[in-house]
Amino acid sequence: MKKSSHNKTVSETASQTASRSIQPELPVPSTTHSGKPLRVDGIEARTRLLDSALQLFAGRGYAKTSTREIARVAEVNISAISYYFGDKAGLYRAVFNDPRSNPNVDPAIFEQSETQLRDILSALMCSFTDSLKQGEMVEQCMKLHFREMLEPTGLWGEEIDTMIRPAHQGLVRLLCRYLGIRRADDDVHRLAFSVTGLAVSLMVSRDLMQVIRPALIARPKAIDVYSSRLADYAMAMCEDEKRRRFLHSSDNLTS
């Protein structure tokens, strides 16, 4: 991905912020900008900033969102941004990578035995669908990702390299063990993308479901049921690919 000097500055500044050592916690301002008492602890102040920044970054983009506006919406002193996140770039990185709305798939889950495929697929689906329980936050996260693709700062490409690619490769290795093959071919990669696509499509289609069939994701229990079904569908896809390969191999032996 080609980056402009502005994009490079965003990524480099954010990286420097992430690598700083943890400082002793400073007191959070006791009043809002209007002078009203505001009693929040450090965790709440940081969360306020993340939530407000997500809303503004998703709606306006990185360049058109000011730290002063974020602090105003969060009702904290603007200095809290530099304390918790270093600067605007550091706050943007924290928002973009917030695990509450942007789930991460641990590649280690794919290193288990292929005999546990159903359980692994279930854990994979839950890593995505659990974020739906955050409600509107996950919708804002999707908007933020779309904006990042259209107005890149470098974080989407970084997420692909550091999180998405390793998880995909881990899933591919697991599928190879399940299918009994040594090296992944295009069909294995197709299967891996199709499996994860089940969960991704659910997140992308959230607003559509709320119009057509809201009960499917209206409550945490309903989301858990949906997640379980997705694991079933993924398992069926894997079994079908295994059967297809067996039949193809049999045909080659008899021809």
Protein backbone atom coordinates (compact mmCIF):
# COMPACT_ATOMS: atom_id res chain seq x y z
CA MET A 1 0.00 0.00 0.00
CA LYS A 2 1.47 3.36 -1.04
CA LYS A 3 1.37 5.94 1.75
CA SER A 4 1.57 9.70 1.58
CA SER A 5 3.86 11.60 3.92
CA HIS A 6 0.79 12.40 6.02
CA ASN A 7 -0.14 8.73 6.29
CA LYS A 8 3.43 7.83 7.24
CA THR A 9 3.39 10.46 9.96
CA VAL A 10 0.15 9.03 11.37
CA SER A 11 1.50 5.49 11.53
CA GLU A 12 4.93 6.45 12.88
CA THR A 13 3.54 8.76 15.54
CA ALA A 14 1.01 6.17 16.62
CA SER A 15 3.71 3.51 16.81
CA GLN A 16 5.82 5.73 19.04
CA THR A 17 2.81 6.28 21.29
CA ALA A 18 2.14 2.55 21.57
CA SER A 19 5.74 1.85 22.62
CA ARG A 20 5.86 4.36 25.48
CA SER A 21 6.23 3.06 28.98
CA ILE A 22 3.21 3.28 31.29
CA GLN A 23 3.21 6.39 33.44
CA PRO A 24 1.64 6.88 36.86
CA GLU A 25 -2.02 7.74 36.38
CA LEU A 26 -2.81 11.43 36.49
CA PRO A 27 -6.01 12.85 37.95
CA VAL A 28 -8.88 13.23 35.49
CA PRO A 29 -10.44 16.71 35.19
CA SER A 30 -13.30 17.16 37.66
CA THR A 31 -15.46 19.39 35.48
CA THR A 32 -16.83 19.35 31.94
CA HIS A 33 -16.21 22.18 29.49
CA SER A 34 -19.45 23.77 30.68
CA GLY A 35 -18.15 23.78 34.26
CA LYS A 36 -20.44 21.03 35.51
CA PRO A 37 -19.00 18.47 37.94
CA LEU A 38 -17.74 15.33 36.24
CA ARG A 39 -16.70 12.51 38.52
CA VAL A 40 -15.09 9.73 36.53
CA ASP A 41 -12.10 7.54 37.17
CA GLY A 42 -9.24 7.04 34.74
CA ILE A 43 -10.75 4.01 33.04
CA GLU A 44 -14.03 5.80 32.41
CA ALA A 45 -12.28 8.88 31.03
CA ARG A 46 -10.28 6.73 28.63
CA THR A 47 -13.41 4.85 27.57
CA ARG A 48 -15.26 8.12 27.00
CA LEU A 49 -12.49 9.23 24.67
CA LEU A 50 -12.50 5.94 22.75
CA ASP A 51 -16.28 5.97 22.31
CA SER A 52 -16.46 9.62 21.30
CA ALA A 53 -13.49 9.31 18.93
CA LEU A 54 -15.02 6.24 17.28
CA GLN A 55 -18.22 8.13 16.58
CA LEU A 56 -16.41 11.16 15.15
CA PHE A 57 -13.70 9.32 13.21
CA ALA A 58 -16.32 7.02 11.64
CA GLY A 59 -18.54 9.93 10.70
CA ARG A 60 -15.94 12.45 9.52
CA GLY A 61 -12.71 10.60 8.96
CA TYR A 62 -9.30 11.12 10.54
CA ALA A 63 -8.33 14.38 8.85
CA LYS A 64 -11.60 16.22 9.54
CA THR A 65 -11.84 15.26 13.21
CA SER A 66 -10.10 17.48 15.76
CA THR A 67 -8.91 16.45 19.20
CA ARG A 68 -10.71 19.46 20.65
CA GLU A 69 -14.03 18.17 19.29
CA ILE A 70 -13.34 14.67 20.60
CA ALA A 71 -12.58 16.02 24.07
CA ARG A 72 -15.73 18.16 23.98
CA VAL A 73 -17.96 15.21 23.07
CA ALA A 74 -16.26 12.99 25.66
CA GLU A 75 -16.55 15.79 28.25
CA VAL A 76 -12.94 15.52 29.35
CA ASN A 77 -10.04 17.94 29.27
CA ILE A 78 -8.17 17.86 25.97
CA SER A 79 -4.95 17.08 27.88
CA ALA A 80 -6.42 13.64 28.67
CA ILE A 81 -5.85 12.68 25.03
CA SER A 82 -2.12 13.31 25.22
CA TYR A 83 -1.91 11.52 28.56
CA TYR A 84 -3.74 8.33 27.57
CA PHE A 85 -2.89 8.16 23.86
CA GLY A 86 0.00 10.52 23.18
CA ASP A 87 -1.67 12.44 20.37
CA LYS A 88 -4.43 12.26 17.77
CA ALA A 89 -2.66 9.50 15.82
CA GLY A 90 -2.29 7.40 18.95
CA LEU A 91 -5.98 7.84 19.78
CA TYR A 92 -6.95 6.87 16.24
CA ARG A 93 -4.84 3.72 16.45
CA ALA A 94 -6.43 2.80 19.80
CA VAL A 95 -9.91 3.33 18.37
CA PHE A 96 -9.17 1.35 15.22
CA ASN A 97 -7.76 -1.58 17.20
CA ASP A 98 -10.27 -1.47 20.08
CA PRO A 99 -11.01 -5.18 20.78
CA ARG A 100 -14.54 -4.34 21.92
CA SER A 101 -15.58 -3.63 18.33
CA ASN A 102 -12.67 -4.87 16.22
CA PRO A 103 -12.22 -8.54 17.19
CA ASN A 104 -8.84 -10.20 16.83
CA VAL A 105 -8.48 -13.87 15.98
CA ASP A 106 -5.62 -15.52 17.86
CA PRO A 107 -3.73 -17.71 15.32
CA ALA A 108 -2.89 -20.09 18.19
CA ILE A 109 -6.44 -21.50 18.15
CA PHE A 110 -5.68 -23.11 14.79
CA GLU A 111 -2.74 -25.09 16.13
CA GLN A 112 -5.04 -27.56 17.88
CA SER A 113 -5.76 -31.01 16.49
CA GLU A 114 -7.87 -31.25 13.34
CA THR A 115 -10.14 -33.62 15.28
CA GLN A 116 -11.34 -30.54 17.19
CA LEU A 117 -12.31 -28.72 14.01
CA ARG A 118 -15.92 -28.07 15.09
CA ASP A 119 -14.81 -26.52 18.38
CA ILE A 120 -12.18 -24.40 16.65
CA LEU A 121 -14.68 -23.15 14.08
CA SER A 122 -17.08 -22.31 16.89
CA ALA A 123 -14.39 -20.26 18.66
CA LEU A 124 -13.58 -18.53 15.38
CA MET A 125 -17.20 -17.52 14.82
CA CYS A 126 -17.58 -16.32 18.41
CA SER A 127 -14.53 -14.09 18.06
CA PHE A 128 -16.51 -12.15 15.46
CA THR A 129 -20.10 -12.45 16.63
CA ASP A 130 -19.43 -11.53 20.25
CA SER A 131 -18.66 -8.00 19.07
CA LEU A 132 -22.24 -7.74 17.78
CA LYS A 133 -23.34 -7.67 21.41
CA GLN A 134 -21.79 -4.20 21.60
CA GLY A 135 -24.70 -2.93 19.50
CA GLU A 136 -24.16 0.35 17.65
CA MET A 137 -20.43 0.32 18.42
CA VAL A 138 -19.74 -2.47 15.93
CA GLU A 139 -21.67 -0.56 13.26
CA GLN A 140 -19.46 2.48 13.88
CA CYS A 141 -16.41 0.22 13.68
CA MET A 142 -17.48 -1.05 10.25
CA LYS A 143 -17.94 2.54 9.06
CA LEU A 144 -14.49 3.40 10.38
CA HIS A 145 -12.95 0.50 8.46
CA PHE A 146 -14.68 1.55 5.25
CA ARG A 147 -13.36 5.08 5.74
CA GLU A 148 -9.88 3.75 6.38
CA MET A 149 -10.01 1.87 3.09
CA LEU A 150 -11.10 5.01 1.21
CA GLU A 151 -8.88 7.44 3.14
CA PRO A 152 -5.96 5.22 4.23
CA THR A 153 -3.63 6.14 7.05
CA GLY A 154 -1.81 2.81 6.88
CA LEU A 155 -3.62 1.05 9.73
CA TRP A 156 -5.74 -1.19 7.48
CA GLY A 157 -2.67 -2.50 5.71
CA GLU A 158 -1.01 -2.97 9.08
CA GLU A 159 -4.00 -4.94 10.37
CA ILE A 160 -3.85 -7.22 7.33
CA ASP A 161 -0.15 -7.95 7.86
CA THR A 162 -0.16 -8.34 11.63
CA MET A 163 -3.56 -9.93 12.34
CA ILE A 164 -5.58 -11.03 9.32
CA ARG A 165 -2.82 -12.74 7.34
CA PRO A 166 -1.45 -14.78 10.30
CA ALA A 167 -4.98 -15.89 11.23
CA HIS A 168 -5.72 -16.89 7.63
CA GLN A 169 -2.47 -18.85 7.38
CA GLY A 170 -3.25 -20.61 10.66
CA LEU A 171 -6.69 -21.61 9.39
CA VAL A 172 -5.19 -22.85 6.12
CA ARG A 173 -2.73 -25.08 8.02
CA LEU A 174 -5.59 -26.49 10.09
CA LEU A 175 -7.65 -27.22 6.97
CA CYS A 176 -4.69 -28.95 5.36
CA ARG A 177 -4.43 -31.27 8.37
CA TYR A 178 -8.16 -31.93 8.25
CA LEU A 179 -8.11 -32.64 4.51
CA GLY A 180 -5.00 -34.80 4.82
CA ILE A 181 -2.83 -32.81 2.42
CA ARG A 182 0.67 -31.44 2.88
CA ARG A 183 0.49 -28.23 0.89
CA ALA A 184 -2.38 -25.77 0.48
CA ASP A 185 -3.74 -25.22 -3.02
CA ASP A 186 -6.16 -22.58 -4.24
CA ASP A 187 -9.18 -24.60 -3.11
CA VAL A 188 -7.91 -24.65 0.49
CA HIS A 189 -7.51 -20.88 0.43
CA ARG A 190 -10.98 -20.53 -1.09
CA LEU A 191 -12.37 -22.64 1.71
CA ALA A 192 -10.56 -20.60 4.37
CA PHE A 193 -11.86 -17.30 2.97
CA SER A 194 -15.36 -18.76 2.71
CA VAL A 195 -15.33 -19.95 6.32
CA THR A 196 -14.29 -16.57 7.74
CA GLY A 197 -16.57 -14.87 5.25
CA LEU A 198 -19.58 -16.37 7.03
CA ALA A 199 -18.83 -14.31 10.13
CA VAL A 200 -17.67 -11.21 8.28
CA SER A 201 -20.84 -11.11 6.19
CA LEU A 202 -22.91 -11.20 9.37
CA MET A 203 -21.15 -8.10 10.68
CA VAL A 204 -21.44 -6.27 7.36
CA SER A 205 -25.14 -7.17 7.05
CA ARG A 206 -26.07 -6.10 10.58
CA ASP A 207 -28.11 -3.06 9.53
CA LEU A 208 -29.88 -5.08 6.81
CA MET A 209 -30.88 -7.76 9.30
CA GLN A 210 -32.28 -5.16 11.65
CA VAL A 211 -34.69 -4.17 8.90
CA ILE A 212 -35.60 -7.61 7.53
CA ARG A 213 -35.28 -9.95 10.53
CA PRO A 214 -34.15 -8.08 13.67
CA ALA A 215 -34.87 -11.00 16.01
CA LEU A 216 -31.84 -12.83 14.60
CA ILE A 217 -29.41 -10.51 16.39
CA ALA A 218 -31.68 -8.65 18.82
CA ARG A 219 -30.34 -10.30 21.99
CA PRO A 220 -27.07 -11.90 23.12
CA LYS A 221 -28.71 -15.34 23.20
CA ALA A 222 -29.94 -14.92 19.62
CA ILE A 223 -26.42 -13.93 18.55
CA ASP A 224 -25.02 -17.04 20.25
CA VAL A 225 -27.51 -19.21 18.34
CA TYR A 226 -26.53 -17.53 15.09
CA SER A 227 -22.86 -18.10 15.88
CA SER A 228 -23.48 -21.78 16.51
CA ARG A 229 -25.28 -22.11 13.18
CA LEU A 230 -22.38 -20.44 11.41
CA ALA A 231 -20.03 -23.02 12.90
CA ASP A 232 -22.37 -25.73 11.58
CA TYR A 233 -22.35 -24.19 8.11
CA ALA A 234 -18.57 -23.88 8.16
CA MET A 235 -18.21 -27.50 9.24
CA ALA A 236 -20.48 -28.59 6.40
CA MET A 237 -18.30 -26.67 3.92
CA CYS A 238 -15.18 -28.41 5.22
CA GLU A 239 -16.81 -31.83 5.07
CA ASP A 240 -17.99 -31.19 1.53
CA GLU A 241 -14.49 -30.20 0.42
CA LYS A 242 -13.09 -33.36 2.01
CA ARG A 243 -15.70 -35.47 0.21
CA ARG A 244 -15.06 -33.71 -3.10
CA ARG A 245 -11.34 -34.39 -2.86
CA PHE A 246 -11.95 -38.05 -2.02
CA LEU A 247 -14.25 -38.50 -5.04
CA HIS A 248 -11.79 -36.71 -7.30
CA SER A 249 -8.97 -38.95 -6.08
CA SER A 250 -11.10 -42.05 -6.63
CA ASP A 251 -11.93 -40.99 -10.16
CA ASN A 252 -8.24 -40.54 -10.93
CA LEU A 253 -7.44 -44.04 -9.65
CA THR A 254 -10.11 -45.70 -11.78
CA SER A 255 -9.37 -43.73 -14.95
